[in-house]
């Protein structure tokens, strides 16, 4: 049983953002300030990554822990209200994440997925991980000088 009224729960759920979450914006700004240019929510890329670097074929996703099922087996057993709905929804999200990863990888893309809490707590580490992938992509593209990548 939900502790909130139906109207209050509806208001809470409407406030949950699917794009431009605090963590996405934080990561995007950190990358921008370090000189990296990207596209946000590019719908021409399968799965609509939160950030994408088409030149390097890198797709970045910032996933919320609840909606993408971090520690899913533990969380699944703790669900109380509307259990069947949430299990179906989150498992569908997890399966879609796998499908997107596999499709993009088959097209030569590097897919990077980060939990929103990791971006929040370890933003610099996340940025460095992305930068290392950009460096690797530059080497794959066979640029003569690494500076040309930026």
N, C-alpha and C. Protein backbone atom coordinates (compact mmCIF):
# COMPACT_ATOMS: atom_id res chain seq x y z
N UNK A 1 0.84 -1.19 0.00
CA UNK A 1 0.00 0.00 0.00
C UNK A 1 0.88 1.25 0.00
N UNK A 2 0.52 2.18 -0.82
CA UNK A 2 1.28 3.43 -0.95
C UNK A 2 0.99 4.35 0.23
N UNK A 3 2.03 5.03 0.72
CA UNK A 3 1.85 5.95 1.85
C UNK A 3 1.32 7.30 1.40
N UNK A 4 1.35 7.58 0.09
CA UNK A 4 0.86 8.84 -0.44
C UNK A 4 -0.50 8.65 -1.09
N UNK A 5 -1.24 9.75 -1.18
CA UNK A 5 -2.52 9.68 -1.91
C UNK A 5 -2.19 9.52 -3.39
N UNK A 6 -3.19 9.15 -4.15
CA UNK A 6 -3.00 8.94 -5.57
C UNK A 6 -2.54 10.24 -6.25
N UNK A 7 -3.12 11.36 -5.85
CA UNK A 7 -2.76 12.65 -6.43
C UNK A 7 -1.32 13.04 -6.09
N UNK A 8 -0.95 12.82 -4.83
CA UNK A 8 0.41 13.17 -4.38
C UNK A 8 1.44 12.28 -5.11
N UNK A 9 1.16 10.99 -5.22
CA UNK A 9 2.07 10.08 -5.92
C UNK A 9 2.19 10.49 -7.38
N UNK A 10 1.10 10.89 -8.00
CA UNK A 10 1.11 11.33 -9.38
C UNK A 10 2.00 12.56 -9.54
N UNK A 11 1.90 13.50 -8.60
CA UNK A 11 2.73 14.70 -8.64
C UNK A 11 4.21 14.35 -8.50
N UNK A 12 4.53 13.44 -7.60
CA UNK A 12 5.91 13.00 -7.39
C UNK A 12 6.47 12.36 -8.66
N UNK A 13 5.69 11.48 -9.27
CA UNK A 13 6.16 10.77 -10.46
C UNK A 13 6.31 11.71 -11.65
N UNK A 14 5.46 12.72 -11.77
CA UNK A 14 5.57 13.69 -12.86
C UNK A 14 6.86 14.49 -12.76
N UNK A 15 7.35 14.67 -11.54
CA UNK A 15 8.56 15.47 -11.33
C UNK A 15 9.85 14.72 -11.68
N UNK A 16 9.77 13.42 -11.88
CA UNK A 16 10.95 12.63 -12.24
C UNK A 16 11.28 12.88 -13.70
N UNK A 17 12.50 13.35 -13.94
CA UNK A 17 12.92 13.72 -15.29
C UNK A 17 13.54 12.52 -16.01
N UNK A 18 13.32 12.49 -17.31
CA UNK A 18 13.96 11.45 -18.10
C UNK A 18 15.13 12.02 -18.90
N UNK A 19 15.15 13.34 -19.06
CA UNK A 19 16.24 14.00 -19.78
C UNK A 19 16.77 15.14 -18.93
N UNK A 20 18.04 15.45 -19.16
CA UNK A 20 18.68 16.57 -18.47
C UNK A 20 18.55 16.48 -16.95
N UNK A 21 18.82 15.32 -16.42
CA UNK A 21 18.85 15.16 -14.97
C UNK A 21 20.06 15.91 -14.42
N UNK A 22 20.09 16.12 -13.13
CA UNK A 22 21.20 16.84 -12.51
C UNK A 22 22.54 16.20 -12.87
N UNK A 23 22.57 14.88 -12.83
CA UNK A 23 23.82 14.17 -13.09
C UNK A 23 24.24 14.30 -14.56
N UNK A 24 23.27 14.22 -15.49
CA UNK A 24 23.59 14.40 -16.90
C UNK A 24 24.16 15.79 -17.15
N UNK A 25 23.50 16.79 -16.59
CA UNK A 25 23.94 18.17 -16.79
C UNK A 25 25.33 18.37 -16.19
N UNK A 26 25.55 17.81 -15.02
CA UNK A 26 26.85 17.93 -14.36
C UNK A 26 27.96 17.32 -15.22
N UNK A 27 27.72 16.13 -15.73
CA UNK A 27 28.70 15.46 -16.58
C UNK A 27 28.92 16.25 -17.87
N UNK A 28 27.84 16.71 -18.50
CA UNK A 28 27.95 17.46 -19.74
C UNK A 28 28.76 18.74 -19.54
N UNK A 29 28.49 19.45 -18.47
CA UNK A 29 29.23 20.69 -18.20
C UNK A 29 30.70 20.41 -17.94
N UNK A 30 30.98 19.35 -17.20
CA UNK A 30 32.37 19.01 -16.91
C UNK A 30 33.12 18.69 -18.21
N UNK A 31 32.49 17.95 -19.11
CA UNK A 31 33.12 17.62 -20.39
C UNK A 31 33.29 18.88 -21.25
N UNK A 32 32.28 19.74 -21.25
CA UNK A 32 32.33 20.96 -22.03
C UNK A 32 33.48 21.86 -21.56
N UNK A 33 33.61 21.99 -20.25
CA UNK A 33 34.68 22.83 -19.70
C UNK A 33 36.07 22.27 -19.98
N UNK A 34 36.14 20.98 -20.24
CA UNK A 34 37.44 20.38 -20.58
C UNK A 34 37.66 20.38 -22.10
N UNK A 35 36.76 21.04 -22.85
CA UNK A 35 36.95 21.22 -24.28
C UNK A 35 36.33 20.17 -25.18
N UNK A 36 35.52 19.30 -24.64
CA UNK A 36 34.90 18.25 -25.45
C UNK A 36 33.54 18.72 -25.96
N UNK A 37 33.26 18.42 -27.22
CA UNK A 37 32.00 18.80 -27.82
C UNK A 37 31.21 17.54 -28.14
N UNK A 38 29.93 17.58 -27.90
CA UNK A 38 29.08 16.41 -27.98
C UNK A 38 27.68 16.83 -28.40
N UNK A 39 26.83 15.88 -28.61
CA UNK A 39 25.41 16.13 -28.85
C UNK A 39 24.63 15.50 -27.69
N UNK A 40 23.60 16.20 -27.29
CA UNK A 40 22.74 15.68 -26.22
C UNK A 40 21.49 15.07 -26.85
N UNK A 41 21.13 13.89 -26.42
CA UNK A 41 19.89 13.22 -26.82
C UNK A 41 19.70 13.21 -28.34
N UNK A 42 20.72 12.76 -29.04
CA UNK A 42 20.69 12.71 -30.51
C UNK A 42 19.79 11.54 -30.94
N UNK A 43 18.65 11.89 -31.49
CA UNK A 43 17.67 10.86 -31.86
C UNK A 43 18.06 10.09 -33.13
N UNK A 44 19.11 10.54 -33.81
CA UNK A 44 19.55 9.80 -35.00
C UNK A 44 20.38 8.58 -34.61
N UNK A 45 20.74 8.49 -33.33
CA UNK A 45 21.51 7.35 -32.83
C UNK A 45 20.57 6.43 -32.08
N UNK A 46 20.62 5.15 -32.40
CA UNK A 46 19.73 4.18 -31.77
C UNK A 46 19.88 4.22 -30.25
N UNK A 47 18.78 4.30 -29.55
CA UNK A 47 18.80 4.32 -28.09
C UNK A 47 18.85 5.72 -27.51
N UNK A 48 19.03 6.74 -28.36
CA UNK A 48 19.10 8.15 -27.95
C UNK A 48 20.00 8.33 -26.73
N UNK A 49 21.31 8.25 -26.92
CA UNK A 49 22.22 8.41 -25.78
C UNK A 49 22.09 9.80 -25.15
N UNK A 50 22.40 9.88 -23.86
CA UNK A 50 22.36 11.16 -23.17
C UNK A 50 23.39 12.11 -23.76
N UNK A 51 24.57 11.60 -24.04
CA UNK A 51 25.63 12.37 -24.71
C UNK A 51 26.22 11.48 -25.80
N UNK A 52 26.54 12.08 -26.94
CA UNK A 52 27.16 11.28 -28.00
C UNK A 52 28.27 12.07 -28.69
N UNK A 53 29.27 11.33 -29.08
CA UNK A 53 30.41 11.86 -29.82
C UNK A 53 30.43 11.08 -31.14
N UNK A 54 29.72 11.59 -32.14
CA UNK A 54 29.59 10.86 -33.41
C UNK A 54 30.94 10.63 -34.08
N UNK A 55 31.80 11.64 -34.02
CA UNK A 55 33.11 11.56 -34.66
C UNK A 55 33.89 10.34 -34.16
N UNK A 56 33.72 10.03 -32.88
CA UNK A 56 34.46 8.94 -32.26
C UNK A 56 33.62 7.68 -32.07
N UNK A 57 32.34 7.78 -32.42
CA UNK A 57 31.38 6.69 -32.20
C UNK A 57 31.35 6.27 -30.73
N UNK A 58 31.11 7.25 -29.88
CA UNK A 58 30.99 6.99 -28.44
C UNK A 58 29.62 7.47 -27.98
N UNK A 59 28.89 6.58 -27.33
CA UNK A 59 27.57 6.90 -26.78
C UNK A 59 27.65 6.78 -25.26
N UNK A 60 27.19 7.83 -24.57
CA UNK A 60 27.24 7.86 -23.11
C UNK A 60 25.82 7.91 -22.56
N UNK A 61 25.55 7.02 -21.62
CA UNK A 61 24.26 6.97 -20.94
C UNK A 61 24.48 7.16 -19.45
N UNK A 62 23.65 7.97 -18.82
CA UNK A 62 23.66 8.13 -17.37
C UNK A 62 22.35 7.53 -16.88
N UNK A 63 22.44 6.38 -16.23
CA UNK A 63 21.27 5.62 -15.83
C UNK A 63 20.93 5.83 -14.36
N UNK A 64 19.65 6.04 -14.09
CA UNK A 64 19.18 6.13 -12.71
C UNK A 64 19.16 4.75 -12.08
N UNK A 65 19.56 4.67 -10.85
CA UNK A 65 19.69 3.37 -10.17
C UNK A 65 18.36 2.62 -10.10
N UNK A 66 17.30 3.29 -9.74
CA UNK A 66 16.03 2.58 -9.59
C UNK A 66 15.47 2.14 -10.94
N UNK A 67 15.35 3.06 -11.88
CA UNK A 67 14.68 2.76 -13.14
C UNK A 67 15.48 1.84 -14.06
N UNK A 68 16.77 1.71 -13.82
CA UNK A 68 17.59 0.81 -14.65
C UNK A 68 18.06 -0.41 -13.85
N UNK A 69 17.60 -0.55 -12.62
CA UNK A 69 17.78 -1.78 -11.87
C UNK A 69 19.17 -2.07 -11.34
N UNK A 70 19.80 -1.08 -10.72
CA UNK A 70 21.09 -1.36 -10.07
C UNK A 70 20.83 -2.28 -8.89
N UNK A 71 21.67 -3.30 -8.70
CA UNK A 71 21.48 -4.31 -7.65
C UNK A 71 20.06 -4.87 -7.71
N UNK A 72 19.63 -5.22 -8.90
CA UNK A 72 18.24 -5.56 -9.17
C UNK A 72 17.71 -6.69 -8.31
N UNK A 73 18.47 -7.72 -8.10
CA UNK A 73 17.96 -8.86 -7.32
C UNK A 73 17.62 -8.45 -5.89
N UNK A 74 18.44 -7.59 -5.29
CA UNK A 74 18.15 -7.10 -3.93
C UNK A 74 16.93 -6.19 -3.93
N UNK A 75 16.92 -5.27 -4.89
CA UNK A 75 15.84 -4.28 -4.94
C UNK A 75 14.51 -4.96 -5.24
N UNK A 76 14.52 -5.94 -6.12
CA UNK A 76 13.29 -6.62 -6.51
C UNK A 76 12.60 -7.23 -5.31
N UNK A 77 13.37 -7.80 -4.42
CA UNK A 77 12.77 -8.44 -3.24
C UNK A 77 12.24 -7.42 -2.23
N UNK A 78 12.70 -6.18 -2.31
CA UNK A 78 12.26 -5.15 -1.36
C UNK A 78 11.08 -4.32 -1.85
N UNK A 79 10.67 -4.52 -3.09
CA UNK A 79 9.53 -3.76 -3.60
C UNK A 79 8.27 -4.13 -2.84
N UNK A 80 7.51 -3.12 -2.43
CA UNK A 80 6.29 -3.38 -1.68
C UNK A 80 5.04 -3.10 -2.50
N UNK A 81 4.87 -1.85 -2.88
CA UNK A 81 3.64 -1.48 -3.56
C UNK A 81 3.80 -1.61 -5.07
N UNK A 82 2.74 -2.08 -5.70
CA UNK A 82 2.68 -2.22 -7.15
C UNK A 82 3.86 -3.03 -7.70
N UNK A 83 4.18 -4.08 -7.00
CA UNK A 83 5.36 -4.89 -7.28
C UNK A 83 5.40 -5.42 -8.71
N UNK A 84 4.29 -5.95 -9.17
CA UNK A 84 4.23 -6.54 -10.51
C UNK A 84 4.53 -5.49 -11.59
N UNK A 85 3.97 -4.30 -11.44
CA UNK A 85 4.20 -3.21 -12.39
C UNK A 85 5.68 -2.85 -12.45
N UNK A 86 6.30 -2.63 -11.28
CA UNK A 86 7.69 -2.19 -11.24
C UNK A 86 8.64 -3.27 -11.74
N UNK A 87 8.38 -4.50 -11.41
CA UNK A 87 9.24 -5.59 -11.89
C UNK A 87 9.20 -5.64 -13.42
N UNK A 88 8.00 -5.58 -13.98
CA UNK A 88 7.86 -5.61 -15.44
C UNK A 88 8.56 -4.42 -16.08
N UNK A 89 8.32 -3.24 -15.53
CA UNK A 89 8.89 -2.01 -16.10
C UNK A 89 10.41 -2.02 -16.04
N UNK A 90 10.97 -2.33 -14.89
CA UNK A 90 12.42 -2.26 -14.74
C UNK A 90 13.11 -3.36 -15.53
N UNK A 91 12.54 -4.53 -15.58
CA UNK A 91 13.14 -5.59 -16.39
C UNK A 91 13.09 -5.25 -17.87
N UNK A 92 12.01 -4.59 -18.30
CA UNK A 92 11.92 -4.13 -19.68
C UNK A 92 13.01 -3.08 -19.95
N UNK A 93 13.24 -2.16 -19.00
CA UNK A 93 14.31 -1.17 -19.15
C UNK A 93 15.67 -1.84 -19.25
N UNK A 94 15.92 -2.82 -18.39
CA UNK A 94 17.20 -3.52 -18.40
C UNK A 94 17.42 -4.25 -19.72
N UNK A 95 16.37 -4.89 -20.22
CA UNK A 95 16.48 -5.60 -21.50
C UNK A 95 16.72 -4.63 -22.64
N UNK A 96 16.05 -3.47 -22.61
CA UNK A 96 16.26 -2.46 -23.64
C UNK A 96 17.69 -1.94 -23.59
N UNK A 97 18.23 -1.75 -22.40
CA UNK A 97 19.63 -1.30 -22.26
C UNK A 97 20.58 -2.30 -22.92
N UNK A 98 20.34 -3.57 -22.70
CA UNK A 98 21.17 -4.62 -23.30
C UNK A 98 21.04 -4.58 -24.83
N UNK A 99 19.81 -4.44 -25.31
CA UNK A 99 19.57 -4.39 -26.75
C UNK A 99 20.28 -3.19 -27.39
N UNK A 100 20.19 -2.04 -26.75
CA UNK A 100 20.85 -0.83 -27.26
C UNK A 100 22.36 -1.04 -27.27
N UNK A 101 22.91 -1.57 -26.18
CA UNK A 101 24.36 -1.82 -26.11
C UNK A 101 24.81 -2.73 -27.24
N UNK A 102 24.10 -3.82 -27.44
CA UNK A 102 24.48 -4.79 -28.47
C UNK A 102 24.38 -4.20 -29.87
N UNK A 103 23.31 -3.46 -30.13
CA UNK A 103 23.13 -2.87 -31.46
C UNK A 103 24.24 -1.87 -31.75
N UNK A 104 24.47 -0.95 -30.82
CA UNK A 104 25.51 0.07 -31.05
C UNK A 104 26.88 -0.57 -31.19
N UNK A 105 27.18 -1.57 -30.36
CA UNK A 105 28.47 -2.26 -30.46
C UNK A 105 28.61 -2.93 -31.82
N UNK A 106 27.52 -3.50 -32.34
CA UNK A 106 27.59 -4.16 -33.65
C UNK A 106 27.85 -3.15 -34.78
N UNK A 107 27.54 -1.88 -34.54
CA UNK A 107 27.78 -0.83 -35.52
C UNK A 107 29.10 -0.10 -35.27
N UNK A 108 29.91 -0.63 -34.35
CA UNK A 108 31.23 -0.07 -34.11
C UNK A 108 31.28 1.03 -33.06
N UNK A 109 30.21 1.21 -32.33
CA UNK A 109 30.16 2.24 -31.30
C UNK A 109 30.70 1.71 -29.98
N UNK A 110 31.27 2.62 -29.20
CA UNK A 110 31.65 2.31 -27.82
C UNK A 110 30.54 2.86 -26.94
N UNK A 111 29.97 2.00 -26.12
CA UNK A 111 28.87 2.41 -25.24
C UNK A 111 29.40 2.51 -23.82
N UNK A 112 29.19 3.66 -23.22
CA UNK A 112 29.59 3.88 -21.83
C UNK A 112 28.34 4.16 -21.02
N UNK A 113 28.14 3.35 -19.99
CA UNK A 113 26.98 3.54 -19.10
C UNK A 113 27.49 3.82 -17.70
N UNK A 114 26.94 4.86 -17.11
CA UNK A 114 27.33 5.25 -15.75
C UNK A 114 26.08 5.35 -14.90
N UNK A 115 26.18 4.91 -13.65
CA UNK A 115 25.09 5.11 -12.71
C UNK A 115 25.10 6.57 -12.28
N UNK A 116 23.93 7.14 -12.09
CA UNK A 116 23.85 8.56 -11.76
C UNK A 116 24.57 8.89 -10.45
N UNK A 117 24.55 7.99 -9.49
CA UNK A 117 25.26 8.24 -8.23
C UNK A 117 26.77 8.28 -8.45
N UNK A 118 27.28 7.48 -9.37
CA UNK A 118 28.71 7.51 -9.67
C UNK A 118 29.10 8.84 -10.31
N UNK A 119 28.25 9.36 -11.18
CA UNK A 119 28.52 10.67 -11.78
C UNK A 119 28.49 11.73 -10.69
N UNK A 120 27.53 11.61 -9.79
CA UNK A 120 27.38 12.57 -8.71
C UNK A 120 28.59 12.55 -7.78
N UNK A 121 29.03 11.38 -7.41
CA UNK A 121 30.10 11.26 -6.41
C UNK A 121 31.51 11.25 -7.01
N UNK A 122 31.63 10.74 -8.26
CA UNK A 122 32.94 10.60 -8.88
C UNK A 122 32.93 11.20 -10.28
N UNK A 123 32.55 12.44 -10.37
CA UNK A 123 32.42 13.09 -11.69
C UNK A 123 33.76 13.11 -12.43
N UNK A 124 34.82 13.46 -11.74
CA UNK A 124 36.12 13.55 -12.40
C UNK A 124 36.54 12.18 -12.97
N UNK A 125 36.33 11.12 -12.21
CA UNK A 125 36.67 9.77 -12.68
C UNK A 125 35.85 9.42 -13.92
N UNK A 126 34.59 9.79 -13.90
CA UNK A 126 33.71 9.54 -15.04
C UNK A 126 34.21 10.29 -16.28
N UNK A 127 34.54 11.55 -16.09
CA UNK A 127 35.06 12.37 -17.20
C UNK A 127 36.35 11.75 -17.74
N UNK A 128 37.24 11.33 -16.87
CA UNK A 128 38.50 10.71 -17.31
C UNK A 128 38.25 9.42 -18.08
N UNK A 129 37.28 8.64 -17.67
CA UNK A 129 36.93 7.41 -18.39
C UNK A 129 36.49 7.75 -19.82
N UNK A 130 35.66 8.76 -19.95
CA UNK A 130 35.21 9.18 -21.28
C UNK A 130 36.38 9.70 -22.10
N UNK A 131 37.24 10.49 -21.47
CA UNK A 131 38.41 11.02 -22.19
C UNK A 131 39.33 9.91 -22.66
N UNK A 132 39.50 8.87 -21.88
CA UNK A 132 40.34 7.74 -22.31
C UNK A 132 39.74 7.06 -23.53
N UNK A 133 38.41 6.94 -23.56
CA UNK A 133 37.75 6.34 -24.73
C UNK A 133 37.90 7.23 -25.96
N UNK A 134 37.85 8.54 -25.76
CA UNK A 134 38.06 9.47 -26.87
C UNK A 134 39.49 9.30 -27.40
N UNK A 135 40.46 9.21 -26.50
CA UNK A 135 41.85 8.98 -26.91
C UNK A 135 41.99 7.68 -27.69
N UNK A 136 41.36 6.62 -27.20
CA UNK A 136 41.40 5.32 -27.89
C UNK A 136 40.76 5.43 -29.27
N UNK A 137 39.67 6.17 -29.37
CA UNK A 137 39.00 6.34 -30.66
C UNK A 137 39.90 7.10 -31.63
N UNK A 138 40.61 8.10 -31.12
CA UNK A 138 41.54 8.86 -31.97
C UNK A 138 42.61 7.93 -32.55
N UNK A 139 43.11 7.04 -31.72
CA UNK A 139 44.14 6.10 -32.18
C UNK A 139 43.56 5.16 -33.22
N UNK A 140 42.31 4.73 -33.00
CA UNK A 140 41.65 3.84 -33.97
C UNK A 140 41.45 4.54 -35.31
N UNK A 141 41.12 5.81 -35.25
CA UNK A 141 40.87 6.57 -36.47
C UNK A 141 42.19 6.87 -37.19
N UNK A 142 43.29 6.59 -36.53
CA UNK A 142 44.62 6.78 -37.10
C UNK A 142 44.97 8.23 -37.38
N UNK A 143 44.67 9.08 -36.45
CA UNK A 143 45.12 10.45 -36.58
C UNK A 143 46.63 10.52 -36.41
N UNK A 144 47.26 11.37 -37.16
CA UNK A 144 48.69 11.54 -37.08
C UNK A 144 49.10 12.19 -35.75
N UNK A 145 48.33 13.21 -35.37
CA UNK A 145 48.62 13.89 -34.12
C UNK A 145 47.37 13.86 -33.25
N UNK A 146 47.54 13.52 -32.01
CA UNK A 146 46.41 13.42 -31.09
C UNK A 146 45.69 14.75 -30.94
N UNK A 147 46.40 15.86 -31.08
CA UNK A 147 45.79 17.19 -30.91
C UNK A 147 44.67 17.43 -31.92
N UNK A 148 44.73 16.80 -33.08
CA UNK A 148 43.70 17.00 -34.09
C UNK A 148 42.34 16.48 -33.63
N UNK A 149 42.34 15.60 -32.65
CA UNK A 149 41.08 15.03 -32.18
C UNK A 149 40.25 16.04 -31.40
N UNK A 150 40.89 17.04 -30.88
CA UNK A 150 40.16 17.95 -29.98
C UNK A 150 39.81 19.23 -30.65
